[in-house]
Structure formats: structure tokens, C-alpha cells
Amino acid sequence: MYNYRDLIVWQKSMNLVELVYKITTRFPSEEKYGLTSQIRRSAVSIPSNIAEGTGRNSKKSFRNFLEISNGSINELKTQLEIAEKLSYIPKEELNTTLKLCNEVQKITYTLIKKYSNPKDLEL
């Protein structure tokens, strides 16, 4: 199918992971096993599922992993908004991060739609 490293959606989602890790290093220490851990897991899940999906032998399976990745994006966005409400991150930083989330999500949606047509699912 694809080399996942060549996919722009994977590259952008890796940038998102890096950004999330930088942001969460400033969270309170009592959140280490709570929100910090959850946010990081959600972020890491995005490129991980994209990579795993490219390793499958079907476009249908790839689409399924893209859908899982999309769910992780929504989860991450919600958790980031919670962090902002708790004053762990400033609004401007939240907006910058959500903008990158939205970029990744748009590409993910495009790929999901591309592989939703049954004739495109044939290898």
C-alpha cells in the first residue's frame, strides 16, 4: 500500500505529537498519571494507527485504522480543551494546537472518503 513515512497525514500527526509532549511538560506534576498521560496517549495513537493501517494488506483495513485515528483526534481535542479550562495551557496555545489537529483531521477525512467507495477498496 503505502510507506507511512511518505504520508503527509502521518508527518503532520508526528508534528502534533511533538507539540503535545512540549505542552504537557508544563502540566502540574499531579497530572502525570492523569490528563498528561491521557493526552499523550491520544496524540501518539494518531500516527500509530495511520502507520499500522498502512501495514495491512487491504484498503478497507487502512480506512478502518484511519477512522480509529480520527477518533483519537477528537479525543485529543477534547482533552486539550479540558486542559485549557483548568488553566494548564493558554488559549492561544490551545488554538494553535487545535489548528494542527484540524489539519490532520481534514487529511484523514479525505483519505477515509477516498477509500469509502467499494470499487476503490479492491487491491
PDB file of N, CA and C in Angstrom:
ATOM      1  N   MET A   1       0.847  -1.195   0.000  1.00  0.00           N
ATOM      2  CA  MET A   1       0.000   0.000   0.000  1.00  0.00           C
ATOM      3  C   MET A   1       0.889   1.254   0.000  1.00  0.00           C
ATOM      4  N   TYR A   2       1.214   1.744   1.185  1.00  0.00           N
ATOM      5  CA  TYR A   2       1.985   2.982   1.305  1.00  0.00           C
ATOM      6  C   TYR A   2       3.144   2.778   2.268  1.00  0.00           C
ATOM      7  N   ASN A   3       4.165   3.604   2.116  1.00  0.00           N
ATOM      8  CA  ASN A   3       5.146   3.761   3.173  1.00  0.00           C
ATOM      9  C   ASN A   3       4.587   4.890   4.042  1.00  0.00           C
ATOM     10  N   TYR A   4       4.234   4.584   5.260  1.00  0.00           N
ATOM     11  CA  TYR A   4       3.558   5.571   6.118  1.00  0.00           C
ATOM     12  C   TYR A   4       4.367   6.847   6.282  1.00  0.00           C
ATOM     13  N   ARG A   5       5.692   6.750   6.228  1.00  0.00           N
ATOM     14  CA  ARG A   5       6.523   7.946   6.403  1.00  0.00           C
ATOM     15  C   ARG A   5       6.354   8.942   5.261  1.00  0.00           C
ATOM     16  N   ASP A   6       5.883   8.473   4.126  1.00  0.00           N
ATOM     17  CA  ASP A   6       5.663   9.352   2.974  1.00  0.00           C
ATOM     18  C   ASP A   6       4.326  10.087   3.038  1.00  0.00           C
ATOM     19  N   LEU A   7       3.445   9.654   3.909  1.00  0.00           N
ATOM     20  CA  LEU A   7       2.116  10.270   4.005  1.00  0.00           C
ATOM     21  C   LEU A   7       2.174  11.585   4.779  1.00  0.00           C
ATOM     22  N   ILE A   8       1.656  12.633   4.176  1.00  0.00           N
ATOM     23  CA  ILE A   8       1.633  13.944   4.829  1.00  0.00           C
ATOM     24  C   ILE A   8       0.841  13.877   6.128  1.00  0.00           C
ATOM     25  N   VAL A   9      -0.230  13.097   6.149  1.00  0.00           N
ATOM     26  CA  VAL A   9      -1.044  12.993   7.357  1.00  0.00           C
ATOM     27  C   VAL A   9      -0.224  12.387   8.506  1.00  0.00           C
ATOM     28  N   TRP A  10       0.625  11.434   8.207  1.00  0.00           N
ATOM     29  CA  TRP A  10       1.483  10.848   9.239  1.00  0.00           C
ATOM     30  C   TRP A  10       2.524  11.871   9.704  1.00  0.00           C
ATOM     31  N   GLN A  11       3.125  12.583   8.753  1.00  0.00           N
ATOM     32  CA  GLN A  11       4.144  13.591   9.089  1.00  0.00           C
ATOM     33  C   GLN A  11       3.564  14.691   9.978  1.00  0.00           C
ATOM     34  N   LYS A  12       2.387  15.188   9.600  1.00  0.00           N
ATOM     35  CA  LYS A  12       1.743  16.240  10.397  1.00  0.00           C
ATOM     36  C   LYS A  12       1.320  15.716  11.772  1.00  0.00           C
ATOM     37  N   SER A  13       0.878  14.475  11.826  1.00  0.00           N
ATOM     38  CA  SER A  13       0.472  13.928  13.118  1.00  0.00           C
ATOM     39  C   SER A  13       1.686  13.710  14.021  1.00  0.00           C
ATOM     40  N   MET A  14       2.838  13.438  13.439  1.00  0.00           N
ATOM     41  CA  MET A  14       4.069  13.341  14.234  1.00  0.00           C
ATOM     42  C   MET A  14       4.454  14.719  14.786  1.00  0.00           C
ATOM     43  N   ASN A  15       4.251  15.752  13.988  1.00  0.00           N
ATOM     44  CA  ASN A  15       4.483  17.119  14.485  1.00  0.00           C
ATOM     45  C   ASN A  15       3.538  17.430  15.635  1.00  0.00           C
ATOM     46  N   LEU A  16       2.313  16.949  15.523  1.00  0.00           N
ATOM     47  CA  LEU A  16       1.332  17.148  16.583  1.00  0.00           C
ATOM     48  C   LEU A  16       1.776  16.457  17.872  1.00  0.00           C
ATOM     49  N   VAL A  17       2.291  15.244  17.761  1.00  0.00           N
ATOM     50  CA  VAL A  17       2.779  14.522  18.944  1.00  0.00           C
ATOM     51  C   VAL A  17       3.880  15.321  19.620  1.00  0.00           C
ATOM     52  N   GLU A  18       4.808  15.818  18.833  1.00  0.00           N
ATOM     53  CA  GLU A  18       5.914  16.602  19.392  1.00  0.00           C
ATOM     54  C   GLU A  18       5.392  17.836  20.123  1.00  0.00           C
ATOM     55  N   LEU A  19       4.458  18.525  19.517  1.00  0.00           N
ATOM     56  CA  LEU A  19       3.868  19.708  20.143  1.00  0.00           C
ATOM     57  C   LEU A  19       3.170  19.357  21.446  1.00  0.00           C
ATOM     58  N   VAL A  20       2.397  18.290  21.437  1.00  0.00           N
ATOM     59  CA  VAL A  20       1.665  17.855  22.628  1.00  0.00           C
ATOM     60  C   VAL A  20       2.623  17.519  23.773  1.00  0.00           C
ATOM     61  N   TYR A  21       3.700  16.832  23.462  1.00  0.00           N
ATOM     62  CA  TYR A  21       4.679  16.495  24.509  1.00  0.00           C
ATOM     63  C   TYR A  21       5.298  17.757  25.107  1.00  0.00           C
ATOM     64  N   LYS A  22       5.599  18.739  24.272  1.00  0.00           N
ATOM     65  CA  LYS A  22       6.160  20.001  24.775  1.00  0.00           C
ATOM     66  C   LYS A  22       5.157  20.715  25.674  1.00  0.00           C
ATOM     67  N   ILE A  23       3.904  20.744  25.265  1.00  0.00           N
ATOM     68  CA  ILE A  23       2.869  21.409  26.049  1.00  0.00           C
ATOM     69  C   ILE A  23       2.680  20.725  27.401  1.00  0.00           C
ATOM     70  N   THR A  24       2.605  19.401  27.384  1.00  0.00           N
ATOM     71  CA  THR A  24       2.275  18.673  28.612  1.00  0.00           C
ATOM     72  C   THR A  24       3.428  18.615  29.618  1.00  0.00           C
ATOM     73  N   THR A  25       4.635  18.960  29.190  1.00  0.00           N
ATOM     74  CA  THR A  25       5.738  19.000  30.165  1.00  0.00           C
ATOM     75  C   THR A  25       5.522  20.090  31.210  1.00  0.00           C
ATOM     76  N   ARG A  26       4.678  21.038  30.907  1.00  0.00           N
ATOM     77  CA  ARG A  26       4.401  22.138  31.838  1.00  0.00           C
ATOM     78  C   ARG A  26       3.167  21.897  32.717  1.00  0.00           C
ATOM     79  N   PHE A  27       2.515  20.776  32.524  1.00  0.00           N
ATOM     80  CA  PHE A  27       1.339  20.461  33.344  1.00  0.00           C
ATOM     81  C   PHE A  27       1.777  20.192  34.787  1.00  0.00           C
ATOM     82  N   PRO A  28       0.880  20.375  35.735  1.00  0.00           N
ATOM     83  CA  PRO A  28       1.216  20.084  37.133  1.00  0.00           C
ATOM     84  C   PRO A  28       1.628  18.622  37.318  1.00  0.00           C
ATOM     85  N   SER A  29       2.538  18.387  38.241  1.00  0.00           N
ATOM     86  CA  SER A  29       3.044  17.025  38.457  1.00  0.00           C
ATOM     87  C   SER A  29       1.943  16.060  38.886  1.00  0.00           C
ATOM     88  N   GLU A  30       0.906  16.557  39.552  1.00  0.00           N
ATOM     89  CA  GLU A  30      -0.183  15.668  39.973  1.00  0.00           C
ATOM     90  C   GLU A  30      -0.999  15.140  38.792  1.00  0.00           C
ATOM     91  N   GLU A  31      -0.789  15.725  37.609  1.00  0.00           N
ATOM     92  CA  GLU A  31      -1.485  15.262  36.403  1.00  0.00           C
ATOM     93  C   GLU A  31      -0.663  14.241  35.611  1.00  0.00           C
ATOM     94  N   LYS A  32       0.517  13.880  36.125  1.00  0.00           N
ATOM     95  CA  LYS A  32       1.408  12.971  35.395  1.00  0.00           C
ATOM     96  C   LYS A  32       0.701  11.687  34.973  1.00  0.00           C
ATOM     97  N   TYR A  33      -0.084  11.098  35.855  1.00  0.00           N
ATOM     98  CA  TYR A  33      -0.776   9.842  35.540  1.00  0.00           C
ATOM     99  C   TYR A  33      -2.236  10.076  35.166  1.00  0.00           C
ATOM    100  N   GLY A  34      -2.622  11.323  35.081  1.00  0.00           N
ATOM    101  CA  GLY A  34      -3.990  11.659  34.710  1.00  0.00           C
ATOM    102  C   GLY A  34      -4.037  12.263  33.322  1.00  0.00           C
ATOM    103  N   LEU A  35      -4.323  13.539  33.271  1.00  0.00           N
ATOM    104  CA  LEU A  35      -4.538  14.224  31.995  1.00  0.00           C
ATOM    105  C   LEU A  35      -3.289  14.214  31.109  1.00  0.00           C
ATOM    106  N   THR A  36      -2.121  14.390  31.691  1.00  0.00           N
ATOM    107  CA  THR A  36      -0.888  14.376  30.893  1.00  0.00           C
ATOM    108  C   THR A  36      -0.742  13.060  30.150  1.00  0.00           C
ATOM    109  N   SER A  37      -0.888  11.973  30.865  1.00  0.00           N
ATOM    110  CA  SER A  37      -0.760  10.646  30.270  1.00  0.00           C
ATOM    111  C   SER A  37      -1.829  10.411  29.205  1.00  0.00           C
ATOM    112  N   GLN A  38      -3.053  10.801  29.499  1.00  0.00           N
ATOM    113  CA  GLN A  38      -4.163  10.580  28.568  1.00  0.00           C
ATOM    114  C   GLN A  38      -3.979  11.386  27.285  1.00  0.00           C
ATOM    115  N   ILE A  39      -3.561  12.627  27.416  1.00  0.00           N
ATOM    116  CA  ILE A  39      -3.349  13.481  26.242  1.00  0.00           C
ATOM    117  C   ILE A  39      -2.237  12.911  25.374  1.00  0.00           C
ATOM    118  N   ARG A  40      -1.166  12.498  26.013  1.00  0.00           N
ATOM    119  CA  ARG A  40      -0.050  11.938  25.250  1.00  0.00           C
ATOM    120  C   ARG A  40      -0.445  10.643  24.536  1.00  0.00           C
ATOM    121  N   ARG A  41      -1.195   9.793  25.211  1.00  0.00           N
ATOM    122  CA  ARG A  41      -1.627   8.533  24.577  1.00  0.00           C
ATOM    123  C   ARG A  41      -2.526   8.815  23.372  1.00  0.00           C
ATOM    124  N   SER A  42      -3.418   9.772  23.519  1.00  0.00           N
ATOM    125  CA  SER A  42      -4.297  10.128  22.393  1.00  0.00           C
ATOM    126  C   SER A  42      -3.490  10.629  21.209  1.00  0.00           C
ATOM    127  N   ALA A  43      -2.523  11.499  21.480  1.00  0.00           N
ATOM    128  CA  ALA A  43      -1.705  12.068  20.411  1.00  0.00           C
ATOM    129  C   ALA A  43      -0.880  10.984  19.721  1.00  0.00           C
ATOM    130  N   VAL A  44      -0.255  10.114  20.492  1.00  0.00           N
ATOM    131  CA  VAL A  44       0.580   9.045  19.936  1.00  0.00           C
ATOM    132  C   VAL A  44      -0.262   8.064  19.120  1.00  0.00           C
ATOM    133  N   SER A  45      -1.503   7.890  19.510  1.00  0.00           N
ATOM    134  CA  SER A  45      -2.393   6.963  18.824  1.00  0.00           C
ATOM    135  C   SER A  45      -2.662   7.388  17.377  1.00  0.00           C
ATOM    136  N   ILE A  46      -2.616   8.666  17.107  1.00  0.00           N
ATOM    137  CA  ILE A  46      -2.961   9.168  15.771  1.00  0.00           C
ATOM    138  C   ILE A  46      -1.973   8.655  14.713  1.00  0.00           C
ATOM    139  N   PRO A  47      -0.671   8.981  14.808  1.00  0.00           N
ATOM    140  CA  PRO A  47       0.240   8.464  13.781  1.00  0.00           C
ATOM    141  C   PRO A  47       0.447   6.954  13.880  1.00  0.00           C
ATOM    142  N   SER A  48       0.298   6.414  15.079  1.00  0.00           N
ATOM    143  CA  SER A  48       0.477   4.967  15.250  1.00  0.00           C
ATOM    144  C   SER A  48      -0.567   4.190  14.459  1.00  0.00           C
ATOM    145  N   ASN A  49      -1.807   4.631  14.509  1.00  0.00           N
ATOM    146  CA  ASN A  49      -2.866   3.941  13.762  1.00  0.00           C
ATOM    147  C   ASN A  49      -2.722   4.141  12.260  1.00  0.00           C
ATOM    148  N   ILE A  50      -2.252   5.297  11.861  1.00  0.00           N
ATOM    149  CA  ILE A  50      -2.003   5.526  10.435  1.00  0.00           C
ATOM    150  C   ILE A  50      -0.917   4.566   9.957  1.00  0.00           C
ATOM    151  N   ALA A  51       0.150   4.459  10.724  1.00  0.00           N
ATOM    152  CA  ALA A  51       1.241   3.558  10.357  1.00  0.00           C
ATOM    153  C   ALA A  51       0.774   2.107  10.341  1.00  0.00           C
ATOM    154  N   GLU A  52       0.022   1.709  11.356  1.00  0.00           N
ATOM    155  CA  GLU A  52      -0.457   0.331  11.404  1.00  0.00           C
ATOM    156  C   GLU A  52      -1.367   0.024  10.216  1.00  0.00           C
ATOM    157  N   GLY A  53      -2.215   0.967   9.872  1.00  0.00           N
ATOM    158  CA  GLY A  53      -3.125   0.760   8.750  1.00  0.00           C
ATOM    159  C   GLY A  53      -2.409   0.577   7.426  1.00  0.00           C
ATOM    160  N   THR A  54      -1.282   1.265   7.255  1.00  0.00           N
ATOM    161  CA  THR A  54      -0.539   1.103   6.003  1.00  0.00           C
ATOM    162  C   THR A  54       0.132  -0.260   5.928  1.00  0.00           C
ATOM    163  N   GLY A  55       0.320  -0.891   7.064  1.00  0.00           N
ATOM    164  CA  GLY A  55       0.936  -2.204   7.086  1.00  0.00           C
ATOM    165  C   GLY A  55      -0.028  -3.341   6.802  1.00  0.00           C
ATOM    166  N   ARG A  56      -1.283  -3.031   6.700  1.00  0.00           N
ATOM    167  CA  ARG A  56      -2.288  -4.054   6.386  1.00  0.00           C
ATOM    168  C   ARG A  56      -2.358  -4.257   4.887  1.00  0.00           C
ATOM    169  N   ASN A  57      -2.935  -5.359   4.495  1.00  0.00           N
ATOM    170  CA  ASN A  57      -2.959  -5.692   3.072  1.00  0.00           C
ATOM    171  C   ASN A  57      -4.247  -5.319   2.375  1.00  0.00           C
ATOM    172  N   SER A  58      -5.024  -4.427   2.977  1.00  0.00           N
ATOM    173  CA  SER A  58      -6.250  -4.027   2.289  1.00  0.00           C
ATOM    174  C   SER A  58      -6.545  -2.557   2.541  1.00  0.00           C
ATOM    175  N   LYS A  59      -7.147  -1.960   1.560  1.00  0.00           N
ATOM    176  CA  LYS A  59      -7.543  -0.559   1.676  1.00  0.00           C
ATOM    177  C   LYS A  59      -8.662  -0.406   2.704  1.00  0.00           C
ATOM    178  N   LYS A  60      -9.514  -1.425   2.788  1.00  0.00           N
ATOM    179  CA  LYS A  60     -10.601  -1.390   3.766  1.00  0.00           C
ATOM    180  C   LYS A  60     -10.033  -1.358   5.189  1.00  0.00           C
ATOM    181  N   SER A  61      -9.032  -2.140   5.441  1.00  0.00           N
ATOM    182  CA  SER A  61      -8.392  -2.159   6.749  1.00  0.00           C
ATOM    183  C   SER A  61      -7.695  -0.820   7.018  1.00  0.00           C
ATOM    184  N   PHE A  62      -7.034  -0.282   5.995  1.00  0.00           N
ATOM    185  CA  PHE A  62      -6.395   1.023   6.132  1.00  0.00           C
ATOM    186  C   PHE A  62      -7.422   2.075   6.519  1.00  0.00           C
ATOM    187  N   ARG A  63      -8.565   2.054   5.838  1.00  0.00           N
ATOM    188  CA  ARG A  63      -9.639   3.005   6.156  1.00  0.00           C
ATOM    189  C   ARG A  63     -10.083   2.852   7.609  1.00  0.00           C
ATOM    190  N   ASN A  64     -10.198   1.617   8.079  1.00  0.00           N
ATOM    191  CA  ASN A  64     -10.601   1.375   9.462  1.00  0.00           C
ATOM    192  C   ASN A  64      -9.613   2.011  10.442  1.00  0.00           C
ATOM    193  N   PHE A  65      -8.333   1.875  10.166  1.00  0.00           N
ATOM    194  CA  PHE A  65      -7.335   2.476  11.051  1.00  0.00           C
ATOM    195  C   PHE A  65      -7.347   4.005  10.959  1.00  0.00           C
ATOM    196  N   LEU A  66      -7.672   4.532   9.793  1.00  0.00           N
ATOM    197  CA  LEU A  66      -7.841   5.984   9.665  1.00  0.00           C
ATOM    198  C   LEU A  66      -9.017   6.465  10.517  1.00  0.00           C
ATOM    199  N   GLU A  67     -10.091   5.678  10.556  1.00  0.00           N
ATOM    200  CA  GLU A  67     -11.247   6.032  11.375  1.00  0.00           C
ATOM    201  C   GLU A  67     -10.893   6.003  12.866  1.00  0.00           C
ATOM    202  N   ILE A  68     -10.094   5.032  13.270  1.00  0.00           N
ATOM    203  CA  ILE A  68      -9.643   4.972  14.662  1.00  0.00           C
ATOM    204  C   ILE A  68      -8.775   6.196  14.969  1.00  0.00           C
ATOM    205  N   SER A  69      -7.893   6.537  14.050  1.00  0.00           N
ATOM    206  CA  SER A  69      -7.047   7.713  14.208  1.00  0.00           C
ATOM    207  C   SER A  69      -7.880   8.981  14.336  1.00  0.00           C
ATOM    208  N   ASN A  70      -8.933   9.055  13.537  1.00  0.00           N
ATOM    209  CA  ASN A  70      -9.831  10.210  13.603  1.00  0.00           C
ATOM    210  C   ASN A  70     -10.502  10.315  14.971  1.00  0.00           C
ATOM    211  N   GLY A  71     -10.890   9.181  15.524  1.00  0.00           N
ATOM    212  CA  GLY A  71     -11.462   9.180  16.867  1.00  0.00           C
ATOM    213  C   GLY A  71     -10.461   9.683  17.896  1.00  0.00           C
ATOM    214  N   SER A  72      -9.214   9.312  17.732  1.00  0.00           N
ATOM    215  CA  SER A  72      -8.172   9.777  18.654  1.00  0.00           C
ATOM    216  C   SER A  72      -7.960  11.284  18.548  1.00  0.00           C
ATOM    217  N   ILE A  73      -8.126  11.827  17.345  1.00  0.00           N
ATOM    218  CA  ILE A  73      -8.019  13.281  17.177  1.00  0.00           C
ATOM    219  C   ILE A  73      -9.117  13.979  17.978  1.00  0.00           C
ATOM    220  N   ASN A  74     -10.340  13.470  17.872  1.00  0.00           N
ATOM    221  CA  ASN A  74     -11.439  14.077  18.635  1.00  0.00           C
ATOM    222  C   ASN A  74     -11.205  13.954  20.139  1.00  0.00           C
ATOM    223  N   GLU A  75     -10.693  12.818  20.559  1.00  0.00           N
ATOM    224  CA  GLU A  75     -10.373  12.614  21.963  1.00  0.00           C
ATOM    225  C   GLU A  75      -9.312  13.617  22.414  1.00  0.00           C
ATOM    226  N   LEU A  76      -8.269  13.774  21.614  1.00  0.00           N
ATOM    227  CA  LEU A  76      -7.199  14.717  21.938  1.00  0.00           C
ATOM    228  C   LEU A  76      -7.721  16.151  22.027  1.00  0.00           C
ATOM    229  N   LYS A  77      -8.535  16.548  21.074  1.00  0.00           N
ATOM    230  CA  LYS A  77      -9.075  17.906  21.078  1.00  0.00           C
ATOM    231  C   LYS A  77      -9.886  18.169  22.350  1.00  0.00           C
ATOM    232  N   THR A  78     -10.678  17.207  22.751  1.00  0.00           N
ATOM    233  CA  THR A  78     -11.478  17.351  23.976  1.00  0.00           C
ATOM    234  C   THR A  78     -10.576  17.492  25.195  1.00  0.00           C
ATOM    235  N   GLN A  79      -9.552  16.654  25.277  1.00  0.00           N
ATOM    236  CA  GLN A  79      -8.642  16.691  26.420  1.00  0.00           C
ATOM    237  C   GLN A  79      -7.862  18.002  26.476  1.00  0.00           C
ATOM    238  N   LEU A  80      -7.472  18.514  25.321  1.00  0.00           N
ATOM    239  CA  LEU A  80      -6.781  19.807  25.282  1.00  0.00           C
ATOM    240  C   LEU A  80      -7.696  20.930  25.752  1.00  0.00           C
ATOM    241  N   GLU A  81      -8.955  20.853  25.377  1.00  0.00           N
ATOM    242  CA  GLU A  81      -9.903  21.881  25.842  1.00  0.00           C
ATOM    243  C   GLU A  81     -10.097  21.800  27.353  1.00  0.00           C
ATOM    244  N   ILE A  82     -10.106  20.593  27.882  1.00  0.00           N
ATOM    245  CA  ILE A  82     -10.181  20.423  29.345  1.00  0.00           C
ATOM    246  C   ILE A  82      -8.956  21.060  29.993  1.00  0.00           C
ATOM    247  N   ALA A  83      -7.792  20.800  29.429  1.00  0.00           N
ATOM    248  CA  ALA A  83      -6.553  21.368  29.979  1.00  0.00           C
ATOM    249  C   ALA A  83      -6.592  22.895  29.955  1.00  0.00           C
ATOM    250  N   GLU A  84      -7.144  23.455  28.909  1.00  0.00           N
ATOM    251  CA  GLU A  84      -7.250  24.916  28.838  1.00  0.00           C
ATOM    252  C   GLU A  84      -8.222  25.434  29.889  1.00  0.00           C
ATOM    253  N   LYS A  85      -9.335  24.751  30.093  1.00  0.00           N
ATOM    254  CA  LYS A  85     -10.314  25.155  31.112  1.00  0.00           C
ATOM    255  C   LYS A  85      -9.720  25.095  32.513  1.00  0.00           C
ATOM    256  N   LEU A  86      -8.782  24.182  32.718  1.00  0.00           N
ATOM    257  CA  LEU A  86      -8.111  24.047  34.012  1.00  0.00           C
ATOM    258  C   LEU A  86      -6.899  24.968  34.123  1.00  0.00           C
ATOM    259  N   SER A  87      -6.705  25.800  33.117  1.00  0.00           N
ATOM    260  CA  SER A  87      -5.603  26.776  33.055  1.00  0.00           C
ATOM    261  C   SER A  87      -4.225  26.122  32.986  1.00  0.00           C
ATOM    262  N   TYR A  88      -4.155  24.946  32.391  1.00  0.00           N
ATOM    263  CA  TYR A  88      -2.867  24.277  32.196  1.00  0.00           C
ATOM    264  C   TYR A  88      -2.179  24.755  30.928  1.00  0.00           C
ATOM    265  N   ILE A  89      -2.986  25.223  29.963  1.00  0.00           N
ATOM    266  CA  ILE A  89      -2.424  25.795  28.740  1.00  0.00           C
ATOM    267  C   ILE A  89      -3.193  27.064  28.397  1.00  0.00           C
ATOM    268  N   PRO A  90      -2.483  28.069  27.883  1.00  0.00           N
ATOM    269  CA  PRO A  90      -3.169  29.305  27.494  1.00  0.00           C
ATOM    270  C   PRO A  90      -4.024  29.108  26.242  1.00  0.00           C
ATOM    271  N   LYS A  91      -5.035  29.921  26.111  1.00  0.00           N
ATOM    272  CA  LYS A  91      -5.980  29.841  24.995  1.00  0.00           C
ATOM    273  C   LYS A  91      -5.270  29.891  23.640  1.00  0.00           C
ATOM    274  N   GLU A  92      -4.284  30.770  23.505  1.00  0.00           N
ATOM    275  CA  GLU A  92      -3.575  30.910  22.239  1.00  0.00           C
ATOM    276  C   GLU A  92      -2.861  29.607  21.857  1.00  0.00           C
ATOM    277  N   GLU A  93      -2.250  28.963  22.833  1.00  0.00           N
ATOM    278  CA  GLU A  93      -1.574  27.695  22.583  1.00  0.00           C
ATOM    279  C   GLU A  93      -2.581  26.592  22.239  1.00  0.00           C
ATOM    280  N   LEU A  94      -3.722  26.620  22.915  1.00  0.00           N
ATOM    281  CA  LEU A  94      -4.793  25.679  22.584  1.00  0.00           C
ATOM    282  C   LEU A  94      -5.206  25.857  21.136  1.00  0.00           C
ATOM    283  N   ASN A  95      -5.428  27.090  20.717  1.00  0.00           N
ATOM    284  CA  ASN A  95      -5.876  27.356  19.349  1.00  0.00           C
ATOM    285  C   ASN A  95      -4.861  26.896  18.310  1.00  0.00           C
ATOM    286  N   THR A  96      -3.584  27.121  18.578  1.00  0.00           N
ATOM    287  CA  THR A  96      -2.528  26.675  17.671  1.00  0.00           C
ATOM    288  C   THR A  96      -2.537  25.157  17.544  1.00  0.00           C
ATOM    289  N   THR A  97      -2.679  24.485  18.671  1.00  0.00           N
ATOM    290  CA  THR A  97      -2.678  23.021  18.674  1.00  0.00           C
ATOM    291  C   THR A  97      -3.932  22.473  18.004  1.00  0.00           C
ATOM    292  N   LEU A  98      -5.079  23.082  18.281  1.00  0.00           N
ATOM    293  CA  LEU A  98      -6.319  22.640  17.638  1.00  0.00           C
ATOM    294  C   LEU A  98      -6.273  22.857  16.124  1.00  0.00           C
ATOM    295  N   LYS A  99      -5.592  23.904  15.694  1.00  0.00           N
ATOM    296  CA  LYS A  99      -5.450  24.158  14.255  1.00  0.00           C
ATOM    297  C   LYS A  99      -4.693  23.003  13.597  1.00  0.00           C
ATOM    298  N   LEU A 100      -3.619  22.540  14.236  1.00  0.00           N
ATOM    299  CA  LEU A 100      -2.877  21.407  13.692  1.00  0.00           C
ATOM    300  C   LEU A 100      -3.721  20.132  13.745  1.00  0.00           C
ATOM    301  N   CYS A 101      -4.485  19.961  14.822  1.00  0.00           N
ATOM    302  CA  CYS A 101      -5.413  18.822  14.907  1.00  0.00           C
ATOM    303  C   CYS A 101      -6.383  18.838  13.729  1.00  0.00           C
ATOM    304  N   ASN A 102      -6.920  20.001  13.440  1.00  0.00           N
ATOM    305  CA  ASN A 102      -7.893  20.131  12.347  1.00  0.00           C
ATOM    306  C   ASN A 102      -7.264  19.841  10.985  1.00  0.00           C
ATOM    307  N   GLU A 103      -6.003  20.255  10.798  1.00  0.00           N
ATOM    308  CA  GLU A 103      -5.305  19.948   9.543  1.00  0.00           C
ATOM    309  C   GLU A 103      -5.176  18.434   9.367  1.00  0.00           C
ATOM    310  N   VAL A 104      -4.735  17.766  10.428  1.00  0.00           N
ATOM    311  CA  VAL A 104      -4.589  16.312  10.378  1.00  0.00           C
ATOM    312  C   VAL A 104      -5.945  15.667  10.125  1.00  0.00           C
ATOM    313  N   GLN A 105      -6.967  16.178  10.781  1.00  0.00           N
ATOM    314  CA  GLN A 105      -8.299  15.591  10.646  1.00  0.00           C
ATOM    315  C   GLN A 105      -8.857  15.766   9.234  1.00  0.00           C
ATOM    316  N   LYS A 106      -8.617  16.896   8.620  1.00  0.00           N
ATOM    317  CA  LYS A 106      -9.093  17.111   7.248  1.00  0.00           C
ATOM    318  C   LYS A 106      -8.460  16.120   6.282  1.00  0.00           C
ATOM    319  N   ILE A 107      -7.181  15.892   6.429  1.00  0.00           N
ATOM    320  CA  ILE A 107      -6.499  14.930   5.556  1.00  0.00           C
ATOM    321  C   ILE A 107      -7.037  13.528   5.823  1.00  0.00           C
ATOM    322  N   THR A 108      -7.229  13.213   7.096  1.00  0.00           N
ATOM    323  CA  THR A 108      -7.755  11.899   7.469  1.00  0.00           C
ATOM    324  C   THR A 108      -9.140  11.690   6.862  1.00  0.00           C
ATOM    325  N   TYR A 109     -10.008  12.695   6.977  1.00  0.00           N
ATOM    326  CA  TYR A 109     -11.347  12.606   6.383  1.00  0.00           C
ATOM    327  C   TYR A 109     -11.267  12.371   4.870  1.00  0.00           C
ATOM    328  N   THR A 110     -10.360  13.085   4.212  1.00  0.00           N
ATOM    329  CA  THR A 110     -10.211  12.941   2.765  1.00  0.00           C
ATOM    330  C   THR A 110      -9.825  11.514   2.398  1.00  0.00           C
ATOM    331  N   LEU A 111      -8.884  10.946   3.155  1.00  0.00           N
ATOM    332  CA  LEU A 111      -8.473   9.563   2.890  1.00  0.00           C
ATOM    333  C   LEU A 111      -9.597   8.574   3.190  1.00  0.00           C
ATOM    334  N   ILE A 112     -10.343   8.814   4.260  1.00  0.00           N
ATOM    335  CA  ILE A 112     -11.471   7.940   4.593  1.00  0.00           C
ATOM    336  C   ILE A 112     -12.488   7.955   3.457  1.00  0.00           C
ATOM    337  N   LYS A 113     -12.809   9.151   2.962  1.00  0.00           N
ATOM    338  CA  LYS A 113     -13.762   9.262   1.857  1.00  0.00           C
ATOM    339  C   LYS A 113     -13.227   8.567   0.607  1.00  0.00           C
ATOM    340  N   LYS A 114     -11.945   8.720   0.358  1.00  0.00           N
ATOM    341  CA  LYS A 114     -11.328   8.099  -0.819  1.00  0.00           C
ATOM    342  C   LYS A 114     -11.505   6.588  -0.786  1.00  0.00           C
ATOM    343  N   TYR A 115     -11.405   6.002   0.385  1.00  0.00           N
ATOM    344  CA  TYR A 115     -11.491   4.558   0.490  1.00  0.00           C
ATOM    345  C   TYR A 115     -12.862   4.073   0.953  1.00  0.00           C
ATOM    346  N   SER A 116     -13.855   4.926   0.846  1.00  0.00           N
ATOM    347  CA  SER A 116     -15.225   4.523   1.189  1.00  0.00           C
ATOM    348  C   SER A 116     -15.992   3.992  -0.010  1.00  0.00           C
ATOM    349  N   ASN A 117     -15.508   4.261  -1.199  1.00  0.00           N
ATOM    350  CA  ASN A 117     -16.139   3.761  -2.415  1.00  0.00           C
ATOM    351  C   ASN A 117     -15.735   2.304  -2.612  1.00  0.00           C
ATOM    352  N   PRO A 118     -16.708   1.405  -2.666  1.00  0.00           N
ATOM    353  CA  PRO A 118     -16.377  -0.037  -2.785  1.00  0.00           C
ATOM    354  C   PRO A 118     -15.437  -0.382  -3.926  1.00  0.00           C
ATOM    355  N   LYS A 119     -15.523   0.308  -5.057  1.00  0.00           N
ATOM    356  CA  LYS A 119     -14.619  -0.018  -6.166  1.00  0.00           C
ATOM    357  C   LYS A 119     -13.183   0.383  -5.863  1.00  0.00           C
ATOM    358  N   ASP A 120     -12.986   1.351  -4.962  1.00  0.00           N
ATOM    359  CA  ASP A 120     -11.635   1.773  -4.582  1.00  0.00           C
ATOM    360  C   ASP A 120     -11.033   0.851  -3.532  1.00  0.00           C
ATOM    361  N   LEU A 121     -11.826  -0.055  -3.001  1.00  0.00           N
ATOM    362  CA  LEU A 121     -11.337  -0.957  -1.968  1.00  0.00           C
ATOM    363  C   LEU A 121     -10.643  -2.192  -2.545  1.00  0.00           C
ATOM    364  N   GLU A 122     -10.778  -2.376  -3.851  1.00  0.00           N
ATOM    365  CA  GLU A 122     -10.144  -3.523  -4.489  1.00  0.00           C
ATOM    366  C   GLU A 122      -8.637  -3.275  -4.573  1.00  0.00           C
ATOM    367  N   LEU A 123      -7.880  -4.311  -4.316  1.00  0.00           N
ATOM    368  CA  LEU A 123      -6.415  -4.189  -4.423  1.00  0.00           C
ATOM    369  C   LEU A 123      -5.941  -4.287  -5.860  1.00  0.00           C
TER     370      LEU A 123
END
